[in-house]
PDB file of N, CA and C in Angstrom:
ATOM      1  N   MET A   1       0.848  -1.178   0.000  1.00  0.00           N
ATOM      2  CA  MET A   1       0.000   0.000   0.000  1.00  0.00           C
ATOM      3  C   MET A   1       0.894   1.242   0.000  1.00  0.00           C
ATOM      4  N   ARG A   2       0.809   2.010  -1.008  1.00  0.00           N
ATOM      5  CA  ARG A   2       1.568   3.259  -1.102  1.00  0.00           C
ATOM      6  C   ARG A   2       0.612   4.429  -0.929  1.00  0.00           C
ATOM      7  N   ARG A   3       1.127   5.625  -1.047  1.00  0.00           N
ATOM      8  CA  ARG A   3       0.286   6.810  -0.857  1.00  0.00           C
ATOM      9  C   ARG A   3      -0.990   6.742  -1.672  1.00  0.00           C
ATOM     10  N   LYS A   4      -0.880   6.253  -2.880  1.00  0.00           N
ATOM     11  CA  LYS A   4      -2.079   6.185  -3.716  1.00  0.00           C
ATOM     12  C   LYS A   4      -3.085   5.177  -3.159  1.00  0.00           C
ATOM     13  N   ASP A   5      -2.593   4.219  -2.345  1.00  0.00           N
ATOM     14  CA  ASP A   5      -3.461   3.212  -1.749  1.00  0.00           C
ATOM     15  C   ASP A   5      -3.922   3.575  -0.343  1.00  0.00           C
ATOM     16  N   TYR A   6      -3.317   4.576   0.258  1.00  0.00           N
ATOM     17  CA  TYR A   6      -3.665   4.984   1.617  1.00  0.00           C
ATOM     18  C   TYR A   6      -4.914   5.857   1.559  1.00  0.00           C
ATOM     19  N   PRO A   7      -5.888   5.633   2.414  1.00  0.00           N
ATOM     20  CA  PRO A   7      -7.128   6.407   2.339  1.00  0.00           C
ATOM     21  C   PRO A   7      -6.864   7.913   2.449  1.00  0.00           C
ATOM     22  N   SER A   8      -7.494   8.685   1.602  1.00  0.00           N
ATOM     23  CA  SER A   8      -7.314  10.135   1.673  1.00  0.00           C
ATOM     24  C   SER A   8      -8.132  10.727   2.817  1.00  0.00           C
ATOM     25  N   ASP A   9      -9.217  10.064   3.179  1.00  0.00           N
ATOM     26  CA  ASP A   9     -10.069  10.527   4.274  1.00  0.00           C
ATOM     27  C   ASP A   9      -9.997   9.512   5.407  1.00  0.00           C
ATOM     28  N   LEU A  10      -9.358   9.897   6.497  1.00  0.00           N
ATOM     29  CA  LEU A  10      -9.204   9.001   7.638  1.00  0.00           C
ATOM     30  C   LEU A  10     -10.290   9.204   8.697  1.00  0.00           C
ATOM     31  N   SER A  11     -11.219  10.076   8.448  1.00  0.00           N
ATOM     32  CA  SER A  11     -12.217  10.430   9.469  1.00  0.00           C
ATOM     33  C   SER A  11     -13.112   9.264   9.884  1.00  0.00           C
ATOM     34  N   GLY A  12     -13.211   8.230   9.092  1.00  0.00           N
ATOM     35  CA  GLY A  12     -14.040   7.091   9.436  1.00  0.00           C
ATOM     36  C   GLY A  12     -13.343   6.078  10.340  1.00  0.00           C
ATOM     37  N   TYR A  13     -12.112   6.363  10.727  1.00  0.00           N
ATOM     38  CA  TYR A  13     -11.331   5.429  11.537  1.00  0.00           C
ATOM     39  C   TYR A  13     -11.158   5.967  12.954  1.00  0.00           C
ATOM     40  N   ARG A  14     -11.185   5.050  13.931  1.00  0.00           N
ATOM     41  CA  ARG A  14     -10.916   5.429  15.318  1.00  0.00           C
ATOM     42  C   ARG A  14      -9.533   4.984  15.752  1.00  0.00           C
ATOM     43  N   LEU A  15      -8.965   4.016  15.038  1.00  0.00           N
ATOM     44  CA  LEU A  15      -7.631   3.495  15.321  1.00  0.00           C
ATOM     45  C   LEU A  15      -7.078   2.909  14.027  1.00  0.00           C
ATOM     46  N   ILE A  16      -5.791   3.114  13.802  1.00  0.00           N
ATOM     47  CA  ILE A  16      -5.126   2.509  12.651  1.00  0.00           C
ATOM     48  C   ILE A  16      -4.151   1.465  13.189  1.00  0.00           C
ATOM     49  N   ILE A  17      -4.378   0.213  12.809  1.00  0.00           N
ATOM     50  CA  ILE A  17      -3.444  -0.867  13.140  1.00  0.00           C
ATOM     51  C   ILE A  17      -2.691  -1.161  11.853  1.00  0.00           C
ATOM     52  N   HIS A  18      -1.424  -0.815  11.854  1.00  0.00           N
ATOM     53  CA  HIS A  18      -0.608  -0.879  10.642  1.00  0.00           C
ATOM     54  C   HIS A  18       0.342  -2.070  10.704  1.00  0.00           C
ATOM     55  N   CYS A  19       0.733  -2.531   9.554  1.00  0.00           N
ATOM     56  CA  CYS A  19       1.752  -3.577   9.486  1.00  0.00           C
ATOM     57  C   CYS A  19       3.088  -2.983   9.937  1.00  0.00           C
ATOM     58  N   GLY A  20       4.109  -3.802   9.977  1.00  0.00           N
ATOM     59  CA  GLY A  20       5.433  -3.337  10.365  1.00  0.00           C
ATOM     60  C   GLY A  20       6.110  -2.482   9.318  1.00  0.00           C
ATOM     61  N   ALA A  21       5.508  -2.348   8.160  1.00  0.00           N
ATOM     62  CA  ALA A  21       5.989  -1.477   7.078  1.00  0.00           C
ATOM     63  C   ALA A  21       7.331  -1.913   6.511  1.00  0.00           C
ATOM     64  N   CYS A  22       7.567  -3.205   6.467  1.00  0.00           N
ATOM     65  CA  CYS A  22       8.857  -3.680   5.959  1.00  0.00           C
ATOM     66  C   CYS A  22       9.037  -3.419   4.462  1.00  0.00           C
ATOM     67  N   THR A  23       7.961  -3.201   3.731  1.00  0.00           N
ATOM     68  CA  THR A  23       8.097  -2.912   2.301  1.00  0.00           C
ATOM     69  C   THR A  23       7.944  -1.428   1.991  1.00  0.00           C
ATOM     70  N   LEU A  24       7.800  -0.625   3.041  1.00  0.00           N
ATOM     71  CA  LEU A  24       7.668   0.828   2.856  1.00  0.00           C
ATOM     72  C   LEU A  24       8.972   1.515   3.211  1.00  0.00           C
ATOM     73  N   THR A  25       9.172   2.675   2.669  1.00  0.00           N
ATOM     74  CA  THR A  25      10.332   3.463   3.075  1.00  0.00           C
ATOM     75  C   THR A  25      10.013   4.159   4.391  1.00  0.00           C
ATOM     76  N   ARG A  26      11.046   4.591   5.067  1.00  0.00           N
ATOM     77  CA  ARG A  26      10.863   5.330   6.323  1.00  0.00           C
ATOM     78  C   ARG A  26      10.022   6.576   6.060  1.00  0.00           C
ATOM     79  N   ARG A  27      10.331   7.239   4.971  1.00  0.00           N
ATOM     80  CA  ARG A  27       9.617   8.459   4.614  1.00  0.00           C
ATOM     81  C   ARG A  27       8.117   8.198   4.431  1.00  0.00           C
ATOM     82  N   GLU A  28       7.775   7.104   3.758  1.00  0.00           N
ATOM     83  CA  GLU A  28       6.370   6.754   3.531  1.00  0.00           C
ATOM     84  C   GLU A  28       5.662   6.463   4.843  1.00  0.00           C
ATOM     85  N   MET A  29       6.310   5.719   5.731  1.00  0.00           N
ATOM     86  CA  MET A  29       5.666   5.383   7.004  1.00  0.00           C
ATOM     87  C   MET A  29       5.494   6.632   7.862  1.00  0.00           C
ATOM     88  N   LEU A  30       6.484   7.491   7.885  1.00  0.00           N
ATOM     89  CA  LEU A  30       6.360   8.735   8.648  1.00  0.00           C
ATOM     90  C   LEU A  30       5.230   9.598   8.093  1.00  0.00           C
ATOM     91  N   TRP A  31       5.079   9.610   6.782  1.00  0.00           N
ATOM     92  CA  TRP A  31       3.992  10.361   6.158  1.00  0.00           C
ATOM     93  C   TRP A  31       2.652   9.836   6.642  1.00  0.00           C
ATOM     94  N   ARG A  32       2.508   8.514   6.710  1.00  0.00           N
ATOM     95  CA  ARG A  32       1.256   7.913   7.169  1.00  0.00           C
ATOM     96  C   ARG A  32       0.989   8.238   8.631  1.00  0.00           C
ATOM     97  N   ILE A  33       2.013   8.162   9.446  1.00  0.00           N
ATOM     98  CA  ILE A  33       1.850   8.488  10.868  1.00  0.00           C
ATOM     99  C   ILE A  33       1.475   9.958  11.033  1.00  0.00           C
ATOM    100  N   GLU A  34       2.108  10.825  10.280  1.00  0.00           N
ATOM    101  CA  GLU A  34       1.784  12.258  10.340  1.00  0.00           C
ATOM    102  C   GLU A  34       0.345  12.531   9.913  1.00  0.00           C
ATOM    103  N   ARG A  35      -0.115  11.859   8.865  1.00  0.00           N
ATOM    104  CA  ARG A  35      -1.505  12.014   8.411  1.00  0.00           C
ATOM    105  C   ARG A  35      -2.479  11.590   9.506  1.00  0.00           C
ATOM    106  N   ALA A  36      -2.189  10.467  10.140  1.00  0.00           N
ATOM    107  CA  ALA A  36      -3.050   9.983  11.216  1.00  0.00           C
ATOM    108  C   ALA A  36      -3.030  10.950  12.391  1.00  0.00           C
ATOM    109  N   ALA A  37      -1.859  11.434  12.751  1.00  0.00           N
ATOM    110  CA  ALA A  37      -1.745  12.384  13.864  1.00  0.00           C
ATOM    111  C   ALA A  37      -2.519  13.660  13.569  1.00  0.00           C
ATOM    112  N   ALA A  38      -2.420  14.144  12.349  1.00  0.00           N
ATOM    113  CA  ALA A  38      -3.155  15.358  11.966  1.00  0.00           C
ATOM    114  C   ALA A  38      -4.661  15.147  12.063  1.00  0.00           C
ATOM    115  N   ALA A  39      -5.101  13.910  11.835  1.00  0.00           N
ATOM    116  CA  ALA A  39      -6.528  13.596  11.918  1.00  0.00           C
ATOM    117  C   ALA A  39      -6.937  13.207  13.340  1.00  0.00           C
ATOM    118  N   GLY A  40      -5.965  13.144  14.261  1.00  0.00           N
ATOM    119  CA  GLY A  40      -6.263  12.793  15.643  1.00  0.00           C
ATOM    120  C   GLY A  40      -6.551  11.310  15.850  1.00  0.00           C
ATOM    121  N   ILE A  41      -5.972  10.467  14.994  1.00  0.00           N
ATOM    122  CA  ILE A  41      -6.224   9.031  15.067  1.00  0.00           C
ATOM    123  C   ILE A  41      -4.955   8.322  15.532  1.00  0.00           C
ATOM    124  N   PRO A  42      -5.044   7.546  16.612  1.00  0.00           N
ATOM    125  CA  PRO A  42      -3.855   6.826  17.074  1.00  0.00           C
ATOM    126  C   PRO A  42      -3.459   5.730  16.094  1.00  0.00           C
ATOM    127  N   VAL A  43      -2.153   5.445  16.070  1.00  0.00           N
ATOM    128  CA  VAL A  43      -1.601   4.410  15.182  1.00  0.00           C
ATOM    129  C   VAL A  43      -0.789   3.436  16.031  1.00  0.00           C
ATOM    130  N   THR A  44      -0.951   2.171  15.753  1.00  0.00           N
ATOM    131  CA  THR A  44      -0.120   1.147  16.370  1.00  0.00           C
ATOM    132  C   THR A  44       0.197   0.105  15.308  1.00  0.00           C
ATOM    133  N   ASN A  45       1.014  -0.870  15.667  1.00  0.00           N
ATOM    134  CA  ASN A  45       1.299  -1.933  14.704  1.00  0.00           C
ATOM    135  C   ASN A  45       0.668  -3.232  15.187  1.00  0.00           C
ATOM    136  N   TYR A  46       0.678  -4.237  14.316  1.00  0.00           N
ATOM    137  CA  TYR A  46       0.051  -5.514  14.643  1.00  0.00           C
ATOM    138  C   TYR A  46       0.616  -6.111  15.926  1.00  0.00           C
ATOM    139  N   GLY A  47       1.917  -6.067  16.082  1.00  0.00           N
ATOM    140  CA  GLY A  47       2.556  -6.669  17.258  1.00  0.00           C
ATOM    141  C   GLY A  47       2.046  -6.077  18.554  1.00  0.00           C
ATOM    142  N   MET A  48       1.962  -4.757  18.612  1.00  0.00           N
ATOM    143  CA  MET A  48       1.465  -4.105  19.828  1.00  0.00           C
ATOM    144  C   MET A  48      -0.006  -4.418  20.053  1.00  0.00           C
ATOM    145  N   ALA A  49      -0.788  -4.372  19.000  1.00  0.00           N
ATOM    146  CA  ALA A  49      -2.220  -4.647  19.133  1.00  0.00           C
ATOM    147  C   ALA A  49      -2.456  -6.065  19.641  1.00  0.00           C
ATOM    148  N   ILE A  50      -1.760  -7.023  19.078  1.00  0.00           N
ATOM    149  CA  ILE A  50      -1.916  -8.418  19.510  1.00  0.00           C
ATOM    150  C   ILE A  50      -1.452  -8.582  20.950  1.00  0.00           C
ATOM    151  N   SER A  51      -0.358  -7.944  21.311  1.00  0.00           N
ATOM    152  CA  SER A  51       0.161  -8.023  22.678  1.00  0.00           C
ATOM    153  C   SER A  51      -0.858  -7.516  23.698  1.00  0.00           C
ATOM    154  N   VAL A  52      -1.491  -6.417  23.388  1.00  0.00           N
ATOM    155  CA  VAL A  52      -2.498  -5.864  24.299  1.00  0.00           C
ATOM    156  C   VAL A  52      -3.736  -6.756  24.326  1.00  0.00           C
ATOM    157  N   LEU A  53      -4.212  -7.166  23.161  1.00  0.00           N
ATOM    158  CA  LEU A  53      -5.420  -7.979  23.090  1.00  0.00           C
ATOM    159  C   LEU A  53      -5.250  -9.345  23.746  1.00  0.00           C
ATOM    160  N   LYS A  54      -4.065  -9.903  23.686  1.00  0.00           N
ATOM    161  CA  LYS A  54      -3.808 -11.211  24.298  1.00  0.00           C
ATOM    162  C   LYS A  54      -3.369 -11.104  25.755  1.00  0.00           C
ATOM    163  N   GLY A  55      -3.216  -9.875  26.244  1.00  0.00           N
ATOM    164  CA  GLY A  55      -2.880  -9.678  27.652  1.00  0.00           C
ATOM    165  C   GLY A  55      -1.425  -9.895  28.014  1.00  0.00           C
ATOM    166  N   VAL A  56      -0.523  -9.808  27.062  1.00  0.00           N
ATOM    167  CA  VAL A  56       0.893 -10.020  27.374  1.00  0.00           C
ATOM    168  C   VAL A  56       1.704  -8.723  27.426  1.00  0.00           C
ATOM    169  N   ALA A  57       1.081  -7.598  27.158  1.00  0.00           N
ATOM    170  CA  ALA A  57       1.816  -6.326  27.132  1.00  0.00           C
ATOM    171  C   ALA A  57       2.465  -6.031  28.485  1.00  0.00           C
ATOM    172  N   GLU A  58       1.722  -6.248  29.566  1.00  0.00           N
ATOM    173  CA  GLU A  58       2.287  -5.973  30.895  1.00  0.00           C
ATOM    174  C   GLU A  58       3.473  -6.881  31.190  1.00  0.00           C
ATOM    175  N   ARG A  59       3.388  -8.133  30.813  1.00  0.00           N
ATOM    176  CA  ARG A  59       4.493  -9.071  31.060  1.00  0.00           C
ATOM    177  C   ARG A  59       5.732  -8.644  30.288  1.00  0.00           C
ATOM    178  N   THR A  60       5.552  -8.193  29.047  1.00  0.00           N
ATOM    179  CA  THR A  60       6.716  -7.801  28.254  1.00  0.00           C
ATOM    180  C   THR A  60       7.339  -6.504  28.765  1.00  0.00           C
ATOM    181  N   LEU A  61       6.544  -5.687  29.439  1.00  0.00           N
ATOM    182  CA  LEU A  61       7.076  -4.435  29.997  1.00  0.00           C
ATOM    183  C   LEU A  61       7.641  -4.612  31.412  1.00  0.00           C
ATOM    184  N   SER A  62       7.418  -5.757  32.030  1.00  0.00           N
ATOM    185  CA  SER A  62       7.822  -5.955  33.425  1.00  0.00           C
ATOM    186  C   SER A  62       9.320  -5.715  33.703  1.00  0.00           C
ATOM    187  N   PRO A  63      10.245  -5.963  32.772  1.00  0.00           N
ATOM    188  CA  PRO A  63      11.648  -5.631  33.062  1.00  0.00           C
ATOM    189  C   PRO A  63      11.921  -4.118  33.079  1.00  0.00           C
ATOM    190  N   PHE A  64      10.945  -3.330  32.678  1.00  0.00           N
ATOM    191  CA  PHE A  64      11.108  -1.871  32.606  1.00  0.00           C
ATOM    192  C   PHE A  64      10.037  -1.217  33.483  1.00  0.00           C
ATOM    193  N   PRO A  65      10.278  -1.125  34.793  1.00  0.00           N
ATOM    194  CA  PRO A  65       9.245  -0.664  35.727  1.00  0.00           C
ATOM    195  C   PRO A  65       8.632   0.692  35.387  1.00  0.00           C
ATOM    196  N   SER A  66       9.428   1.640  34.949  1.00  0.00           N
ATOM    197  CA  SER A  66       8.845   2.955  34.645  1.00  0.00           C
ATOM    198  C   SER A  66       7.964   2.883  33.402  1.00  0.00           C
ATOM    199  N   ALA A  67       8.356   2.082  32.418  1.00  0.00           N
ATOM    200  CA  ALA A  67       7.523   1.908  31.218  1.00  0.00           C
ATOM    201  C   ALA A  67       6.229   1.185  31.577  1.00  0.00           C
ATOM    202  N   LEU A  68       6.311   0.186  32.449  1.00  0.00           N
ATOM    203  CA  LEU A  68       5.121  -0.547  32.880  1.00  0.00           C
ATOM    204  C   LEU A  68       4.164   0.376  33.620  1.00  0.00           C
ATOM    205  N   GLU A  69       4.701   1.204  34.490  1.00  0.00           N
ATOM    206  CA  GLU A  69       3.850   2.149  35.222  1.00  0.00           C
ATOM    207  C   GLU A  69       3.190   3.154  34.279  1.00  0.00           C
ATOM    208  N   ALA A  70       3.954   3.643  33.306  1.00  0.00           N
ATOM    209  CA  ALA A  70       3.387   4.575  32.320  1.00  0.00           C
ATOM    210  C   ALA A  70       2.287   3.894  31.514  1.00  0.00           C
ATOM    211  N   TYR A  71       2.505   2.649  31.129  1.00  0.00           N
ATOM    212  CA  TYR A  71       1.497   1.881  30.382  1.00  0.00           C
ATOM    213  C   TYR A  71       0.225   1.724  31.220  1.00  0.00           C
ATOM    214  N   ARG A  72       0.398   1.331  32.477  1.00  0.00           N
ATOM    215  CA  ARG A  72      -0.766   1.146  33.352  1.00  0.00           C
ATOM    216  C   ARG A  72      -1.514   2.453  33.569  1.00  0.00           C
ATOM    217  N   THR A  73      -0.779   3.525  33.763  1.00  0.00           N
ATOM    218  CA  THR A  73      -1.415   4.837  33.962  1.00  0.00           C
ATOM    219  C   THR A  73      -2.190   5.239  32.714  1.00  0.00           C
ATOM    220  N   GLU A  74      -1.574   5.091  31.563  1.00  0.00           N
ATOM    221  CA  GLU A  74      -2.213   5.483  30.306  1.00  0.00           C
ATOM    222  C   GLU A  74      -3.451   4.633  30.024  1.00  0.00           C
ATOM    223  N   THR A  75      -3.333   3.317  30.185  1.00  0.00           N
ATOM    224  CA  THR A  75      -4.494   2.464  29.898  1.00  0.00           C
ATOM    225  C   THR A  75      -5.597   2.663  30.913  1.00  0.00           C
ATOM    226  N   SER A  76      -5.241   2.956  32.142  1.00  0.00           N
ATOM    227  CA  SER A  76      -6.253   3.230  33.162  1.00  0.00           C
ATOM    228  C   SER A  76      -7.014   4.509  32.823  1.00  0.00           C
ATOM    229  N   CYS A  77      -6.306   5.533  32.356  1.00  0.00           N
ATOM    230  CA  CYS A  77      -6.963   6.788  31.938  1.00  0.00           C
ATOM    231  C   CYS A  77      -7.866   6.543  30.742  1.00  0.00           C
ATOM    232  N   LYS A  78      -7.401   5.785  29.770  1.00  0.00           N
ATOM    233  CA  LYS A  78      -8.193   5.510  28.567  1.00  0.00           C
ATOM    234  C   LYS A  78      -9.439   4.710  28.926  1.00  0.00           C
ATOM    235  N   ASN A  79      -9.317   3.755  29.849  1.00  0.00           N
ATOM    236  CA  ASN A  79     -10.467   2.955  30.235  1.00  0.00           C
ATOM    237  C   ASN A  79     -11.513   3.821  30.940  1.00  0.00           C
ATOM    238  N   ARG A  80     -11.070   4.758  31.773  1.00  0.00           N
ATOM    239  CA  ARG A  80     -12.018   5.651  32.439  1.00  0.00           C
ATOM    240  C   ARG A  80     -12.721   6.550  31.439  1.00  0.00           C
ATOM    241  N   GLU A  81     -11.983   7.030  30.422  1.00  0.00           N
ATOM    242  CA  GLU A  81     -12.589   7.878  29.399  1.00  0.00           C
ATOM    243  C   GLU A  81     -13.627   7.115  28.599  1.00  0.00           C
ATOM    244  N   ALA A  82     -13.369   5.852  28.326  1.00  0.00           N
ATOM    245  CA  ALA A  82     -14.292   5.036  27.518  1.00  0.00           C
ATOM    246  C   ALA A  82     -15.591   4.777  28.260  1.00  0.00           C
ATOM    247  N   VAL A  83     -15.524   4.698  29.578  1.00  0.00           N
ATOM    248  CA  VAL A  83     -16.713   4.421  30.377  1.00  0.00           C
ATOM    249  C   VAL A  83     -17.591   5.656  30.509  1.00  0.00           C
ATOM    250  N   THR A  84     -16.962   6.819  30.595  1.00  0.00           N
ATOM    251  CA  THR A  84     -17.761   8.049  30.796  1.00  0.00           C
ATOM    252  C   THR A  84     -18.328   8.592  29.525  1.00  0.00           C
TER     253      THR A  84
END
């Protein structure tokens, strides 16, 4: 998927789960991330999405206590926002 294949209107998306971009240039991937950021849409990759959905994200962050705490704080805030 190149620029011509990337949606011009991202407003219908709430989250973009992107591949690892191994066939894209750095410039192309940064362009996509910038487009999503400008539209206010978060971007993640398959690995992170699967890690969170399968419940292993906390385990993988456990060797990095400050990163784990930041993750817990951020997800706790997001969960509270989703409920209200």
